[in-house]
Protein backbone atom coordinates (compact mmCIF):
# COMPACT_ATOMS: atom_id res chain seq x y z
CA MET A 1 -59.20 5.33 7.57
CA ASN A 2 -61.81 3.25 6.36
CA GLU A 3 -60.14 2.39 2.82
CA CYS A 4 -59.57 -0.77 1.00
CA LEU A 5 -57.41 -1.08 -2.32
CA LEU A 6 -59.22 -3.24 -4.96
CA VAL A 7 -57.02 -4.28 -7.07
CA ILE A 8 -58.52 -6.27 -10.48
CA ILE A 9 -56.26 -9.08 -12.87
CA ALA A 10 -58.22 -9.01 -16.02
CA THR A 11 -57.30 -9.89 -19.74
CA PRO A 12 -56.51 -7.52 -22.50
CA ALA A 13 -59.96 -8.51 -23.79
CA VAL A 14 -61.61 -7.23 -21.27
CA GLU A 15 -59.43 -4.30 -20.58
CA GLU A 16 -61.44 -1.59 -22.57
CA THR A 17 -65.05 -2.77 -21.41
CA LEU A 18 -63.36 -3.10 -17.74
CA VAL A 19 -61.76 0.81 -17.90
CA ASP A 20 -64.86 1.87 -19.40
CA TRP A 21 -66.97 -0.13 -16.38
CA LEU A 22 -64.59 1.77 -13.52
CA LEU A 23 -64.76 5.07 -15.20
CA GLU A 24 -68.81 5.12 -14.40
CA ARG A 25 -68.30 4.06 -10.76
CA PRO A 26 -69.41 7.09 -8.72
CA GLU A 27 -67.51 4.93 -5.66
CA LEU A 28 -64.26 5.96 -7.53
CA THR A 29 -62.40 9.21 -8.35
CA GLY A 30 -59.88 6.87 -10.52
CA PHE A 31 -57.70 4.20 -10.54
CA SER A 32 -54.91 2.71 -12.16
CA SER A 33 -53.82 0.49 -15.07
CA GLN A 34 -50.84 -1.63 -15.67
CA ARG A 35 -49.59 -4.21 -18.08
CA ILE A 36 -48.49 -7.40 -16.25
CA ASP A 37 -47.46 -11.13 -17.36
CA GLY A 38 -49.39 -13.36 -15.59
CA HIS A 39 -47.49 -16.66 -14.64
CA GLY A 40 -48.97 -20.07 -13.11
CA ALA A 41 -49.49 -23.66 -13.00
CA ARG A 42 -52.74 -24.01 -15.45
CA LEU A 43 -51.53 -24.40 -18.68
CA SER A 44 -55.22 -25.48 -19.80
CA ALA A 45 -55.79 -22.06 -19.47
CA LEU A 46 -53.13 -20.55 -21.84
CA SER A 47 -52.24 -20.56 -25.63
CA LEU A 48 -49.50 -22.85 -27.43
CA ALA A 49 -47.35 -19.24 -27.70
CA GLU A 50 -48.24 -18.20 -23.90
CA GLN A 51 -47.14 -22.10 -22.82
CA VAL A 52 -43.96 -21.45 -24.61
CA ALA A 53 -42.97 -18.26 -23.36
CA GLY A 54 -44.24 -19.24 -19.96
CA ARG A 55 -46.58 -16.00 -19.27
CA GLN A 56 -49.41 -14.85 -19.99
CA ARG A 57 -50.58 -10.91 -20.84
CA LYS A 58 -52.41 -9.91 -18.13
CA VAL A 59 -53.95 -5.98 -17.38
CA MET A 60 -53.74 -4.69 -13.38
CA PHE A 61 -56.18 -2.29 -12.21
CA HIS A 62 -55.90 -0.87 -8.57
CA ALA A 63 -58.60 1.25 -7.10
CA HIS A 64 -58.79 2.57 -3.48
CA THR A 65 -62.01 3.83 -1.72
CA ASP A 66 -63.97 3.45 1.01
CA CYS A 67 -64.00 -0.40 2.06
CA ARG A 68 -67.76 -0.41 1.78
CA ALA A 69 -67.64 0.88 -1.27
CA VAL A 70 -65.36 -1.84 -2.22
CA GLU A 71 -67.70 -4.78 -1.51
CA ALA A 72 -70.09 -3.12 -3.84
CA LEU A 73 -68.04 -2.79 -6.21
CA VAL A 74 -66.94 -6.59 -6.47
CA GLU A 75 -70.64 -7.29 -6.22
CA ALA A 76 -71.17 -5.73 -9.10
CA LEU A 77 -67.72 -6.82 -10.93
CA LYS A 78 -69.43 -10.63 -10.11
CA GLU A 79 -72.81 -9.75 -11.44
CA GLY A 80 -71.51 -8.25 -14.65
CA PHE A 81 -68.20 -9.57 -15.72
CA ARG A 82 -69.19 -13.16 -14.72
CA GLY A 83 -67.71 -15.60 -17.29
CA ALA A 84 -64.53 -12.63 -17.97
CA GLY A 85 -61.80 -14.61 -16.07
CA LEU A 86 -61.06 -11.54 -13.45
CA HIS A 87 -58.70 -12.56 -10.53
CA TYR A 88 -59.18 -9.92 -7.57
CA TRP A 89 -58.25 -9.07 -4.29
CA VAL A 90 -58.78 -6.19 -1.38
CA MET A 91 -56.50 -5.45 0.98
CA PRO A 92 -56.87 -2.93 3.88
CA LEU A 93 -54.89 0.49 3.81
CA MET A 94 -53.12 2.35 6.69
CA ALA A 95 -52.65 5.41 4.56
CA ALA A 96 -53.42 6.97 1.73
CA GLY A 97 -53.14 10.86 0.56
CA GLN A 98 -51.69 13.26 -1.52
CA ILE A 99 -48.51 15.00 -1.24
CA ALA A 100 -48.70 18.28 -2.57
């Protein structure tokens, strides 16, 4: 198995655009998303309300596919979402599949 998990963290402002972008990618058969709270020490990136709450709303996407495809996806993300403040990481998968 040579599959990887791509995790992308985005702001709600780019959520719909990123959903559409991911749905159009032929390398992916699907992905999941969930709303999360981001925490960090960079207060300048937070609104006053977020600074008081100590968290910032984010959206996390998970997609797994062939590792070479993930490399291409990351490069395309860097090109298509430059300046959008996306954060990502890639992890190799030991196993993945469906239980019928």
